[in-house]
C-alpha atoms as a PDB file:
ATOM      1  CA  MET A   1      -3.697   1.478 -12.847  1.00  0.00           C
ATOM      2  CA  ASN A   2      -0.568   3.060 -11.473  1.00  0.00           C
ATOM      3  CA  ALA A   3       2.672   1.127 -11.203  1.00  0.00           C
ATOM      4  CA  PRO A   4       2.926  -0.521  -7.769  1.00  0.00           C
ATOM      5  CA  PHE A   5       5.571   0.299  -5.197  1.00  0.00           C
ATOM      6  CA  GLN A   6       8.653  -1.561  -6.405  1.00  0.00           C
ATOM      7  CA  SER A   7      11.513  -1.186  -3.938  1.00  0.00           C
ATOM      8  CA  THR A   8      11.981  -3.720  -1.151  1.00  0.00           C
ATOM      9  CA  SER A   9      15.331  -2.234  -0.107  1.00  0.00           C
ATOM     10  CA  PRO A  10      15.598   0.824   2.175  1.00  0.00           C
ATOM     11  CA  SER A  11      15.268   4.221   0.534  1.00  0.00           C
ATOM     12  CA  VAL A  12      16.083   7.355   2.504  1.00  0.00           C
ATOM     13  CA  SER A  13      14.651  10.810   1.828  1.00  0.00           C
ATOM     14  CA  GLU A  14      16.355  14.078   2.759  1.00  0.00           C
ATOM     15  CA  ALA A  15      13.420  15.509   4.723  1.00  0.00           C
ATOM     16  CA  GLY A  16      13.498  15.769   8.511  1.00  0.00           C
ATOM     17  CA  GLU A  17      17.242  16.288   8.796  1.00  0.00           C
ATOM     18  CA  GLY A  18      18.332  16.074  12.418  1.00  0.00           C
ATOM     19  CA  GLN A  19      15.658  13.493  13.246  1.00  0.00           C
ATOM     20  CA  PRO A  20      16.198   9.737  13.102  1.00  0.00           C
ATOM     21  CA  PRO A  21      14.736   8.157   9.958  1.00  0.00           C
ATOM     22  CA  ILE A  22      11.256   6.721  10.236  1.00  0.00           C
ATOM     23  CA  ARG A  23      10.824   3.105   9.166  1.00  0.00           C
ATOM     24  CA  LEU A  24       7.897   2.707   6.770  1.00  0.00           C
ATOM     25  CA  LEU A  25       6.422  -0.788   6.411  1.00  0.00           C
ATOM     26  CA  ILE A  26       4.207  -0.973   3.331  1.00  0.00           C
ATOM     27  CA  ALA A  27       1.812  -3.921   3.526  1.00  0.00           C
ATOM     28  CA  ALA A  28       1.313  -6.233   0.581  1.00  0.00           C
ATOM     29  CA  PRO A  29      -1.186  -7.187  -0.598  1.00  0.00           C
ATOM     30  CA  ARG A  30      -3.012  -3.860  -0.409  1.00  0.00           C
ATOM     31  CA  GLY A  31      -5.307  -1.741  -2.542  1.00  0.00           C
ATOM     32  CA  PHE A  32      -7.317  -2.831  -5.544  1.00  0.00           C
ATOM     33  CA  CYS A  33      -8.674  -6.368  -5.671  1.00  0.00           C
ATOM     34  CA  ALA A  34      -9.826  -8.250  -8.764  1.00  0.00           C
ATOM     35  CA  GLY A  35     -13.476  -7.306  -8.190  1.00  0.00           C
ATOM     36  CA  VAL A  36     -12.648  -3.591  -8.001  1.00  0.00           C
ATOM     37  CA  ASP A  37     -10.386  -3.795 -11.067  1.00  0.00           C
ATOM     38  CA  ARG A  38     -13.228  -5.435 -12.967  1.00  0.00           C
ATOM     39  CA  ALA A  39     -15.860  -2.910 -11.841  1.00  0.00           C
ATOM     40  CA  ILE A  40     -13.765   0.098 -12.839  1.00  0.00           C
ATOM     41  CA  GLU A  41     -12.902  -1.454 -16.206  1.00  0.00           C
ATOM     42  CA  ILE A  42     -16.611  -2.095 -16.831  1.00  0.00           C
ATOM     43  CA  VAL A  43     -17.357   1.616 -16.416  1.00  0.00           C
ATOM     44  CA  GLU A  44     -14.393   2.710 -18.539  1.00  0.00           C
ATOM     45  CA  ARG A  45     -15.175   0.289 -21.360  1.00  0.00           C
ATOM     46  CA  ALA A  46     -18.863   1.149 -21.298  1.00  0.00           C
ATOM     47  CA  ILE A  47     -17.979   4.825 -21.791  1.00  0.00           C
ATOM     48  CA  GLU A  48     -15.721   3.857 -24.720  1.00  0.00           C
ATOM     49  CA  ILE A  49     -18.381   1.683 -26.357  1.00  0.00           C
ATOM     50  CA  TYR A  50     -21.596   3.588 -25.623  1.00  0.00           C
ATOM     51  CA  GLY A  51     -20.179   7.103 -25.270  1.00  0.00           C
ATOM     52  CA  ALA A  52     -20.812   9.463 -22.357  1.00  0.00           C
ATOM     53  CA  PRO A  53     -22.828   9.705 -20.271  1.00  0.00           C
ATOM     54  CA  VAL A  54     -22.980   6.253 -18.753  1.00  0.00           C
ATOM     55  CA  TYR A  55     -25.012   6.062 -15.544  1.00  0.00           C
ATOM     56  CA  VAL A  56     -23.903   4.093 -12.489  1.00  0.00           C
ATOM     57  CA  ARG A  57     -26.314   3.171  -9.718  1.00  0.00           C
ATOM     58  CA  HIS A  58     -24.515   3.835  -6.419  1.00  0.00           C
ATOM     59  CA  GLU A  59     -20.752   4.437  -6.164  1.00  0.00           C
ATOM     60  CA  ILE A  60     -19.097   1.804  -8.341  1.00  0.00           C
ATOM     61  CA  VAL A  61     -16.670   1.242  -5.444  1.00  0.00           C
ATOM     62  CA  HIS A  62     -16.341   3.126  -2.168  1.00  0.00           C
ATOM     63  CA  ASN A  63     -13.567   5.571  -3.041  1.00  0.00           C
ATOM     64  CA  LYS A  64     -14.045   9.257  -3.853  1.00  0.00           C
ATOM     65  CA  PHE A  65     -10.829   9.489  -5.885  1.00  0.00           C
ATOM     66  CA  VAL A  66     -11.942   6.624  -8.137  1.00  0.00           C
ATOM     67  CA  VAL A  67     -15.479   7.964  -8.457  1.00  0.00           C
ATOM     68  CA  ASP A  68     -14.278  11.480  -9.308  1.00  0.00           C
ATOM     69  CA  ASN A  69     -11.927  10.112 -11.986  1.00  0.00           C
ATOM     70  CA  LEU A  70     -14.777   8.184 -13.577  1.00  0.00           C
ATOM     71  CA  LYS A  71     -17.027  11.250 -13.409  1.00  0.00           C
ATOM     72  CA  ALA A  72     -14.379  13.171 -15.356  1.00  0.00           C
ATOM     73  CA  LYS A  73     -14.505  10.476 -18.056  1.00  0.00           C
ATOM     74  CA  GLY A  74     -18.283  10.643 -18.406  1.00  0.00           C
ATOM     75  CA  ALA A  75     -19.834   8.515 -15.676  1.00  0.00           C
ATOM     76  CA  VAL A  76     -22.861   9.863 -13.822  1.00  0.00           C
ATOM     77  CA  PHE A  77     -23.514   8.386 -10.369  1.00  0.00           C
ATOM     78  CA  VAL A  78     -27.029   8.125  -8.973  1.00  0.00           C
ATOM     79  CA  GLU A  79     -28.550   6.380  -5.992  1.00  0.00           C
ATOM     80  CA  GLU A  80     -31.736   5.026  -7.545  1.00  0.00           C
ATOM     81  CA  LEU A  81     -32.751   3.679 -10.926  1.00  0.00           C
ATOM     82  CA  ASP A  82     -35.494   6.270 -11.375  1.00  0.00           C
ATOM     83  CA  GLU A  83     -32.756   8.917 -11.655  1.00  0.00           C
ATOM     84  CA  VAL A  84     -31.484   7.265 -14.856  1.00  0.00           C
ATOM     85  CA  PRO A  85     -32.956   8.781 -18.060  1.00  0.00           C
ATOM     86  CA  ASP A  86     -34.434   6.542 -20.739  1.00  0.00           C
ATOM     87  CA  GLY A  87     -32.134   5.485 -23.533  1.00  0.00           C
ATOM     88  CA  VAL A  88     -28.816   5.508 -21.666  1.00  0.00           C
ATOM     89  CA  PRO A  89     -26.836   2.554 -20.295  1.00  0.00           C
ATOM     90  CA  VAL A  90     -26.715   1.925 -16.555  1.00  0.00           C
ATOM     91  CA  ILE A  91     -24.186  -0.046 -14.508  1.00  0.00           C
ATOM     92  CA  PHE A  92     -24.820  -1.690 -11.141  1.00  0.00           C
ATOM     93  CA  SER A  93     -22.057  -1.282  -8.537  1.00  0.00           C
ATOM     94  CA  ALA A  94     -19.548  -3.881  -7.359  1.00  0.00           C
ATOM     95  CA  HIS A  95     -21.508  -4.327  -4.120  1.00  0.00           C
ATOM     96  CA  GLY A  96     -24.474  -5.975  -5.841  1.00  0.00           C
ATOM     97  CA  VAL A  97     -28.136  -5.011  -6.078  1.00  0.00           C
ATOM     98  CA  PRO A  98     -31.474  -6.602  -5.210  1.00  0.00           C
ATOM     99  CA  LYS A  99     -33.035  -8.674  -8.012  1.00  0.00           C
ATOM    100  CA  ALA A 100     -35.747  -6.026  -8.366  1.00  0.00           C
ATOM    101  CA  VAL A 101     -33.234  -3.484  -9.746  1.00  0.00           C
ATOM    102  CA  PRO A 102     -32.178  -5.281 -12.972  1.00  0.00           C
ATOM    103  CA  ALA A 103     -35.789  -6.411 -13.390  1.00  0.00           C
ATOM    104  CA  ALA A 104     -36.935  -2.782 -13.292  1.00  0.00           C
ATOM    105  CA  ALA A 105     -34.176  -1.768 -15.722  1.00  0.00           C
ATOM    106  CA  THR A 106     -35.242  -4.480 -18.132  1.00  0.00           C
ATOM    107  CA  ALA A 107     -38.882  -3.432 -17.825  1.00  0.00           C
ATOM    108  CA  ARG A 108     -37.862   0.113 -18.831  1.00  0.00           C
ATOM    109  CA  GLY A 109     -35.851  -1.149 -21.788  1.00  0.00           C
ATOM    110  CA  LEU A 110     -32.548   0.106 -20.387  1.00  0.00           C
ATOM    111  CA  ASP A 111     -29.249  -1.412 -21.420  1.00  0.00           C
ATOM    112  CA  TRP A 112     -27.662  -2.485 -18.154  1.00  0.00           C
ATOM    113  CA  LEU A 113     -24.369  -3.993 -17.060  1.00  0.00           C
ATOM    114  CA  ASP A 114     -23.763  -5.778 -13.781  1.00  0.00           C
ATOM    115  CA  ALA A 115     -20.428  -4.892 -12.117  1.00  0.00           C
ATOM    116  CA  THR A 116     -21.228  -6.959  -9.011  1.00  0.00           C
ATOM    117  CA  CYS A 117     -18.064  -8.640  -7.748  1.00  0.00           C
ATOM    118  CA  PRO A 118     -18.241 -12.336  -8.728  1.00  0.00           C
ATOM    119  CA  LEU A 119     -17.502 -13.273  -5.116  1.00  0.00           C
ATOM    120  CA  VAL A 120     -20.560 -11.306  -4.001  1.00  0.00           C
ATOM    121  CA  SER A 121     -22.577 -12.983  -6.776  1.00  0.00           C
ATOM    122  CA  LYS A 122     -21.421 -16.323  -5.370  1.00  0.00           C
ATOM    123  CA  VAL A 123     -23.027 -15.431  -2.021  1.00  0.00           C
ATOM    124  CA  HIS A 124     -26.207 -14.431  -3.890  1.00  0.00           C
ATOM    125  CA  ARG A 125     -26.363 -17.868  -5.537  1.00  0.00           C
ATOM    126  CA  GLN A 126     -25.767 -19.570  -2.195  1.00  0.00           C
ATOM    127  CA  ALA A 127     -28.664 -17.613  -0.703  1.00  0.00           C
ATOM    128  CA  GLU A 128     -30.981 -18.736  -3.476  1.00  0.00           C
ATOM    129  CA  ARG A 129     -29.957 -22.384  -3.052  1.00  0.00           C
ATOM    130  CA  GLN A 130     -30.470 -22.272   0.721  1.00  0.00           C
ATOM    131  CA  ILE A 131     -33.998 -20.934   0.283  1.00  0.00           C
ATOM    132  CA  GLU A 132     -34.704 -23.641  -2.296  1.00  0.00           C
ATOM    133  CA  ALA A 133     -33.526 -26.166   0.322  1.00  0.00           C
ATOM    134  CA  GLY A 134     -36.086 -24.789   2.775  1.00  0.00           C
ATOM    135  CA  ARG A 135     -33.666 -23.078   5.137  1.00  0.00           C
ATOM    136  CA  HIS A 136     -33.883 -19.694   6.834  1.00  0.00           C
ATOM    137  CA  ILE A 137     -30.671 -17.663   6.397  1.00  0.00           C
ATOM    138  CA  LEU A 138     -28.763 -15.973   9.212  1.00  0.00           C
ATOM    139  CA  PHE A 139     -26.795 -13.318   7.356  1.00  0.00           C
ATOM    140  CA  ILE A 140     -23.730 -11.918   9.115  1.00  0.00           C
ATOM    141  CA  GLY A 141     -23.180  -8.335   8.022  1.00  0.00           C
ATOM    142  CA  HIS A 142     -23.616  -4.623   8.681  1.00  0.00           C
ATOM    143  CA  ALA A 143     -27.060  -3.048   8.445  1.00  0.00           C
ATOM    144  CA  GLY A 144     -27.411  -0.589   5.590  1.00  0.00           C
ATOM    145  CA  HIS A 145     -24.323  -1.675   3.670  1.00  0.00           C
ATOM    146  CA  PRO A 146     -25.079  -1.959  -0.069  1.00  0.00           C
ATOM    147  CA  GLU A 147     -23.821  -5.549  -0.173  1.00  0.00           C
ATOM    148  CA  VAL A 148     -26.219  -6.525   2.607  1.00  0.00           C
ATOM    149  CA  ILE A 149     -29.120  -4.768   0.890  1.00  0.00           C
ATOM    150  CA  GLY A 150     -28.264  -6.505  -2.374  1.00  0.00           C
ATOM    151  CA  THR A 151     -28.038  -9.943  -0.785  1.00  0.00           C
ATOM    152  CA  PHE A 152     -31.311  -9.557   1.105  1.00  0.00           C
ATOM    153  CA  GLY A 153     -32.869  -8.635  -2.221  1.00  0.00           C
ATOM    154  CA  GLN A 154     -32.028 -12.028  -3.718  1.00  0.00           C
ATOM    155  CA  VAL A 155     -34.619 -13.925  -1.681  1.00  0.00           C
ATOM    156  CA  PRO A 156     -38.257 -13.387  -0.715  1.00  0.00           C
ATOM    157  CA  GLU A 157     -38.776 -11.051   2.219  1.00  0.00           C
ATOM    158  CA  GLY A 158     -38.757 -12.739   5.621  1.00  0.00           C
ATOM    159  CA  ASN A 159     -36.367 -15.535   4.653  1.00  0.00           C
ATOM    160  CA  MET A 160     -33.216 -13.877   5.976  1.00  0.00           C
ATOM    161  CA  THR A 161     -32.258 -12.430   9.379  1.00  0.00           C
ATOM    162  CA  LEU A 162     -29.378  -9.992   9.839  1.00  0.00           C
ATOM    163  CA  VAL A 163     -26.821 -10.822  12.538  1.00  0.00           C
ATOM    164  CA  GLU A 164     -24.325  -8.045  13.314  1.00  0.00           C
ATOM    165  CA  THR A 165     -22.798  -9.162  16.632  1.00  0.00           C
ATOM    166  CA  GLU A 166     -22.362 -12.145  18.937  1.00  0.00           C
ATOM    167  CA  GLU A 167     -24.952 -10.505  21.209  1.00  0.00           C
ATOM    168  CA  ASP A 168     -27.496 -10.621  18.392  1.00  0.00           C
ATOM    169  CA  VAL A 169     -27.222 -14.402  18.281  1.00  0.00           C
ATOM    170  CA  ALA A 170     -28.524 -14.714  21.844  1.00  0.00           C
ATOM    171  CA  THR A 171     -31.735 -12.876  20.910  1.00  0.00           C
ATOM    172  CA  LEU A 172     -32.632 -15.056  17.905  1.00  0.00           C
ATOM    173  CA  THR A 173     -35.765 -17.182  18.177  1.00  0.00           C
ATOM    174  CA  PHE A 174     -37.339 -19.403  15.519  1.00  0.00           C
ATOM    175  CA  PRO A 175     -40.268 -21.827  15.480  1.00  0.00           C
ATOM    176  CA  GLU A 176     -39.355 -25.374  16.421  1.00  0.00           C
ATOM    177  CA  GLY A 177     -38.141 -27.345  13.428  1.00  0.00           C
ATOM    178  CA  THR A 178     -36.868 -24.326  11.474  1.00  0.00           C
ATOM    179  CA  GLU A 179     -33.916 -25.319   9.289  1.00  0.00           C
ATOM    180  CA  LEU A 180     -31.160 -22.700   9.504  1.00  0.00           C
ATOM    181  CA  CYS A 181     -27.994 -21.795   7.637  1.00  0.00           C
ATOM    182  CA  TYR A 182     -25.601 -18.865   7.764  1.00  0.00           C
ATOM    183  CA  LEU A 183     -23.877 -16.715   5.144  1.00  0.00           C
ATOM    184  CA  SER A 184     -21.849 -13.527   5.466  1.00  0.00           C
ATOM    185  CA  GLN A 185     -20.923 -10.252   3.851  1.00  0.00           C
ATOM    186  CA  THR A 186     -17.617 -10.568   1.971  1.00  0.00           C
ATOM    187  CA  THR A 187     -15.807  -7.609   3.596  1.00  0.00           C
ATOM    188  CA  LEU A 188     -16.079  -8.356   7.319  1.00  0.00           C
ATOM    189  CA  SER A 189     -13.480  -8.796  10.027  1.00  0.00           C
ATOM    190  CA  VAL A 190     -12.182 -12.356   9.817  1.00  0.00           C
ATOM    191  CA  GLU A 191     -11.884 -12.621  13.623  1.00  0.00           C
ATOM    192  CA  ASP A 192     -15.255 -11.026  14.419  1.00  0.00           C
ATOM    193  CA  THR A 193     -17.049 -13.198  11.882  1.00  0.00           C
ATOM    194  CA  ALA A 194     -15.419 -16.352  13.232  1.00  0.00           C
ATOM    195  CA  ALA A 195     -16.616 -15.419  16.734  1.00  0.00           C
ATOM    196  CA  ILE A 196     -20.180 -14.837  15.494  1.00  0.00           C
ATOM    197  CA  ILE A 197     -20.135 -18.164  13.648  1.00  0.00           C
ATOM    198  CA  ARG A 198     -19.004 -19.949  16.811  1.00  0.00           C
ATOM    199  CA  ALA A 199     -21.907 -18.340  18.678  1.00  0.00           C
ATOM    200  CA  ILE A 200     -24.375 -19.368  15.967  1.00  0.00           C
ATOM    201  CA  GLU A 201     -23.135 -22.958  15.916  1.00  0.00           C
ATOM    202  CA  ALA A 202     -23.278 -23.159  19.716  1.00  0.00           C
ATOM    203  CA  ARG A 203     -26.834 -21.821  19.817  1.00  0.00           C
ATOM    204  CA  PHE A 204     -28.081 -23.783  16.773  1.00  0.00           C
ATOM    205  CA  PRO A 205     -26.016 -26.995  16.523  1.00  0.00           C
ATOM    206  CA  GLY A 206     -27.731 -28.141  13.323  1.00  0.00           C
ATOM    207  CA  VAL A 207     -27.109 -24.938  11.385  1.00  0.00           C
ATOM    208  CA  ALA A 208     -25.817 -25.426   7.825  1.00  0.00           C
ATOM    209  CA  ALA A 209     -22.522 -23.758   6.893  1.00  0.00           C
ATOM    210  CA  PRO A 210     -21.533 -22.459   3.443  1.00  0.00           C
ATOM    211  CA  LYS A 211     -19.318 -24.763   1.389  1.00  0.00           C
ATOM    212  CA  ALA A 212     -16.533 -22.176   1.450  1.00  0.00           C
ATOM    213  CA  GLU A 213     -15.855 -19.067   3.505  1.00  0.00           C
ATOM    214  CA  ASP A 214     -17.843 -16.063   2.284  1.00  0.00           C
ATOM    215  CA  ILE A 215     -15.272 -13.433   3.335  1.00  0.00           C
ATOM    216  CA  CYS A 216     -13.358 -12.768   0.125  1.00  0.00           C
ATOM    217  CA  TYR A 217      -9.701 -13.544  -0.464  1.00  0.00           C
ATOM    218  CA  ALA A 218      -8.780  -9.846  -0.740  1.00  0.00           C
ATOM    219  CA  THR A 219     -10.366  -8.935   2.588  1.00  0.00           C
ATOM    220  CA  SER A 220      -8.648 -11.864   4.328  1.00  0.00           C
ATOM    221  CA  ASN A 221      -5.273 -11.174   2.708  1.00  0.00           C
ATOM    222  CA  ARG A 222      -5.258  -7.462   3.537  1.00  0.00           C
ATOM    223  CA  GLN A 223      -6.217  -8.128   7.147  1.00  0.00           C
ATOM    224  CA  ALA A 224      -3.515 -10.797   7.445  1.00  0.00           C
ATOM    225  CA  ALA A 225      -0.888  -8.386   6.090  1.00  0.00           C
ATOM    226  CA  VAL A 226      -1.859  -5.665   8.570  1.00  0.00           C
ATOM    227  CA  LYS A 227      -1.839  -8.202  11.380  1.00  0.00           C
ATOM    228  CA  GLN A 228       1.788  -8.941  10.533  1.00  0.00           C
ATOM    229  CA  ILE A 229       3.068  -5.359  10.375  1.00  0.00           C
ATOM    230  CA  ALA A 230       0.939  -3.661  13.067  1.00  0.00           C
ATOM    231  CA  PRO A 231       2.803  -5.112  16.110  1.00  0.00           C
ATOM    232  CA  GLN A 232       5.978  -3.495  14.768  1.00  0.00           C
ATOM    233  CA  CYS A 233       4.353  -0.059  14.293  1.00  0.00           C
ATOM    234  CA  GLN A 234       3.321   2.761  16.594  1.00  0.00           C
ATOM    235  CA  LEU A 235       1.046   4.086  13.836  1.00  0.00           C
ATOM    236  CA  VAL A 236      -0.709   2.405  10.923  1.00  0.00           C
ATOM    237  CA  LEU A 237      -2.237   4.501   8.140  1.00  0.00           C
ATOM    238  CA  VAL A 238      -5.090   2.899   6.201  1.00  0.00           C
ATOM    239  CA  ILE A 239      -6.028   4.544   2.913  1.00  0.00           C
ATOM    240  CA  GLY A 240      -9.743   4.154   2.324  1.00  0.00           C
ATOM    241  CA  ALA A 241     -13.151   5.750   2.503  1.00  0.00           C
ATOM    242  CA  PRO A 242     -15.184   6.065   5.712  1.00  0.00           C
ATOM    243  CA  ASN A 243     -18.001   4.095   4.040  1.00  0.00           C
ATOM    244  CA  SER A 244     -15.642   1.299   2.944  1.00  0.00           C
ATOM    245  CA  SER A 245     -16.292  -1.774   5.082  1.00  0.00           C
ATOM    246  CA  ASN A 246     -13.039  -3.534   4.252  1.00  0.00           C
ATOM    247  CA  SER A 247     -10.993  -0.373   4.977  1.00  0.00           C
ATOM    248  CA  LEU A 248     -12.635   0.116   8.380  1.00  0.00           C
ATOM    249  CA  ARG A 249     -11.871  -3.497   9.226  1.00  0.00           C
ATOM    250  CA  LEU A 250      -8.159  -2.876   8.489  1.00  0.00           C
ATOM    251  CA  VAL A 251      -8.194  -0.068  11.045  1.00  0.00           C
ATOM    252  CA  GLU A 252      -9.736  -2.412  13.610  1.00  0.00           C
ATOM    253  CA  VAL A 253      -7.162  -5.136  12.922  1.00  0.00           C
ATOM    254  CA  ALA A 254      -4.278  -2.697  13.480  1.00  0.00           C
ATOM    255  CA  GLN A 255      -5.832  -1.426  16.698  1.00  0.00           C
ATOM    256  CA  ARG A 256      -6.268  -4.953  18.032  1.00  0.00           C
ATOM    257  CA  GLU A 257      -2.575  -5.543  17.457  1.00  0.00           C
ATOM    258  CA  GLY A 258      -1.766  -2.591  19.729  1.00  0.00           C
ATOM    259  CA  SER A 259      -1.047   0.081  17.142  1.00  0.00           C
ATOM    260  CA  VAL A 260      -2.668   3.471  16.741  1.00  0.00           C
ATOM    261  CA  ALA A 261      -4.511   3.360  13.401  1.00  0.00           C
ATOM    262  CA  ARG A 262      -5.896   6.181  11.289  1.00  0.00           C
ATOM    263  CA  LEU A 263      -8.181   5.973   8.261  1.00  0.00           C
ATOM    264  CA  ILE A 264      -7.256   8.579   5.641  1.00  0.00           C
ATOM    265  CA  GLN A 265      -8.585   9.267   2.168  1.00  0.00           C
ATOM    266  CA  ARG A 266      -5.722  11.424   0.841  1.00  0.00           C
ATOM    267  CA  ALA A 267      -2.154  12.320   1.776  1.00  0.00           C
ATOM    268  CA  ASN A 268      -3.052  15.916   2.653  1.00  0.00           C
ATOM    269  CA  GLU A 269      -4.881  14.643   5.749  1.00  0.00           C
ATOM    270  CA  ILE A 270      -1.585  13.587   7.370  1.00  0.00           C
ATOM    271  CA  GLU A 271      -0.578  16.053  10.086  1.00  0.00           C
ATOM    272  CA  PRO A 272       3.135  16.469  10.959  1.00  0.00           C
ATOM    273  CA  GLU A 273       2.425  15.903  14.653  1.00  0.00           C
ATOM    274  CA  TRP A 274       1.192  12.383  13.857  1.00  0.00           C
ATOM    275  CA  LEU A 275       4.819  11.410  13.219  1.00  0.00           C
ATOM    276  CA  ALA A 276       6.245  12.979  16.384  1.00  0.00           C
ATOM    277  CA  GLY A 277       8.088  10.352  18.407  1.00  0.00           C
ATOM    278  CA  ILE A 278       7.288   7.649  15.846  1.00  0.00           C
ATOM    279  CA  ASP A 279      10.062   5.353  14.656  1.00  0.00           C
ATOM    280  CA  THR A 280       7.988   2.805  12.687  1.00  0.00           C
ATOM    281  CA  ILE A 281       4.852   3.468  10.677  1.00  0.00           C
ATOM    282  CA  GLY A 282       2.719   1.004   8.727  1.00  0.00           C
ATOM    283  CA  LEU A 283       0.837   1.717   5.511  1.00  0.00           C
ATOM    284  CA  THR A 284      -1.903  -0.179   3.736  1.00  0.00           C
ATOM    285  CA  ALA A 285      -4.887   0.525   1.492  1.00  0.00           C
ATOM    286  CA  GLY A 286      -8.394  -0.863   1.349  1.00  0.00           C
ATOM    287  CA  ALA A 287      -9.529  -2.857  -1.666  1.00  0.00           C
ATOM    288  CA  SER A 288     -11.098   0.223  -3.304  1.00  0.00           C
ATOM    289  CA  ALA A 289      -8.030   2.479  -2.973  1.00  0.00           C
ATOM    290  CA  PRO A 290      -5.705   2.787  -6.004  1.00  0.00           C
ATOM    291  CA  GLU A 291      -1.924   2.490  -5.810  1.00  0.00           C
ATOM    292  CA  GLU A 292      -1.685   6.124  -6.894  1.00  0.00           C
ATOM    293  CA  LEU A 293      -2.928   7.127  -3.440  1.00  0.00           C
ATOM    294  CA  VAL A 294      -0.372   4.856  -1.768  1.00  0.00           C
ATOM    295  CA  ASN A 295       2.422   6.579  -3.687  1.00  0.00           C
ATOM    296  CA  GLU A 296       0.942   9.974  -2.768  1.00  0.00           C
ATOM    297  CA  VAL A 297       0.998   9.077   0.945  1.00  0.00           C
ATOM    298  CA  ILE A 298       4.575   7.796   0.747  1.00  0.00           C
ATOM    299  CA  ALA A 299       5.615  11.096  -0.869  1.00  0.00           C
ATOM    300  CA  ARG A 300       3.846  13.054   1.902  1.00  0.00           C
ATOM    301  CA  ILE A 301       5.616  11.097   4.659  1.00  0.00           C
ATOM    302  CA  LYS A 302       8.946  11.729   2.897  1.00  0.00           C
ATOM    303  CA  GLU A 303       8.182  15.463   2.957  1.00  0.00           C
ATOM    304  CA  LEU A 304       7.949  15.292   6.750  1.00  0.00           C
ATOM    305  CA  ARG A 305      10.637  12.810   7.745  1.00  0.00           C
ATOM    306  CA  ARG A 306      13.602  10.932   6.435  1.00  0.00           C
ATOM    307  CA  VAL A 307      12.224   7.550   5.453  1.00  0.00           C
ATOM    308  CA  GLU A 308      13.499   4.001   5.204  1.00  0.00           C
ATOM    309  CA  ALA A 309      10.759   2.232   3.255  1.00  0.00           C
ATOM    310  CA  GLU A 310      10.265  -1.458   2.721  1.00  0.00           C
ATOM    311  CA  GLU A 311       7.450  -3.552   1.331  1.00  0.00           C
ATOM    312  CA  PHE A 312       6.266  -6.322   3.663  1.00  0.00           C
ATOM    313  CA  VAL A 313       4.818  -9.076   1.452  1.00  0.00           C
ATOM    314  CA  THR A 314       2.688 -11.763   3.097  1.00  0.00           C
ATOM    315  CA  THR A 315       1.207 -13.326  -0.058  1.00  0.00           C
ATOM    316  CA  LYS A 316       0.880 -12.788  -3.807  1.00  0.00           C
ATOM    317  CA  GLU A 317      -2.488 -12.364  -5.512  1.00  0.00           C
ATOM    318  CA  HIS A 318      -3.189 -13.527  -9.070  1.00  0.00           C
ATOM    319  CA  MET A 319      -6.994 -13.454  -9.170  1.00  0.00           C
ATOM    320  CA  THR A 320      -8.732 -12.005 -12.246  1.00  0.00           C
ATOM    321  CA  PHE A 321     -12.397 -11.912 -13.249  1.00  0.00           C
ATOM    322  CA  LYS A 322     -13.960 -11.886 -16.712  1.00  0.00           C
ATOM    323  CA  LEU A 323     -15.818  -8.872 -18.033  1.00  0.00           C
ATOM    324  CA  PRO A 324     -19.490  -9.036 -19.084  1.00  0.00           C
ATOM    325  CA  ARG A 325     -19.696 -10.432 -22.608  1.00  0.00           C
ATOM    326  CA  GLN A 326     -21.129  -7.127 -23.958  1.00  0.00           C
ATOM    327  CA  LEU A 327     -17.785  -5.444 -23.229  1.00  0.00           C
ATOM    328  CA  VAL A 328     -15.367  -8.120 -24.455  1.00  0.00           C
ATOM    329  CA  ARG A 329     -13.412  -6.736 -27.383  1.00  0.00           C
END
């Protein structure tokens, strides 16, 4: 990992002479979470131990820069297990997979490693327990997202119903006496999910809730940080991939706070006209975006304008997750 942004005191660049300096608020926490750190380390260690190539089913995390770096080290990314040759190790992405995937890998005699984020695995275990208790699951999430597909694949078909919006709740019908519970994807909007839960509980007063919130700490913390800086900014830049759920939610949070927000993958996407008339800009990164890209964006902004940068810290994160035992040195 790259060294994080260190300075909390103003630093001024020499670019944009003749213009007033632009204030740059850099949100913290931002970028990699413990689950992403773990997933990337699993791939890197597997390459060290097994040698290249190591196959990875689906993008290990939703970030092209990260994926391309791992490709350069010897990782091969595929969408389905049948694309993995016999005799090579395969890793399952941080988003989680249906139970049928590791079962098929085992049946083929493949060595496999599970990089599923432990907080996603926790939701998987909750789903299993709710089915054992005889409940039907209302799963709050986005159709087609790998985490949703993986969670649905933990329970027999027909035992889980996807809920994407408050409007969906009004259309739900179940036979009288059906026991219900709800769970959610870990990377959703905190506010949107709370509204959907309120709608579910109003419509089905006896619905069972999870013991703890399913939205992960990193998603909540990054949204809270953006919520703090966005009201002070005319523009918020979010570094992340267009298929990254948690990054897209950061854009939405900034927009709700009245700021213009743009999702970017790399610094070269920033156009000079974006900064015209701007006196305060916010910067954050989704949980799959490395600090290297944050530093790249800061350097790009300093090319265009004089900058007074400060880190806006809302909380400190100390979470770490253990590696699979096969990779422990």
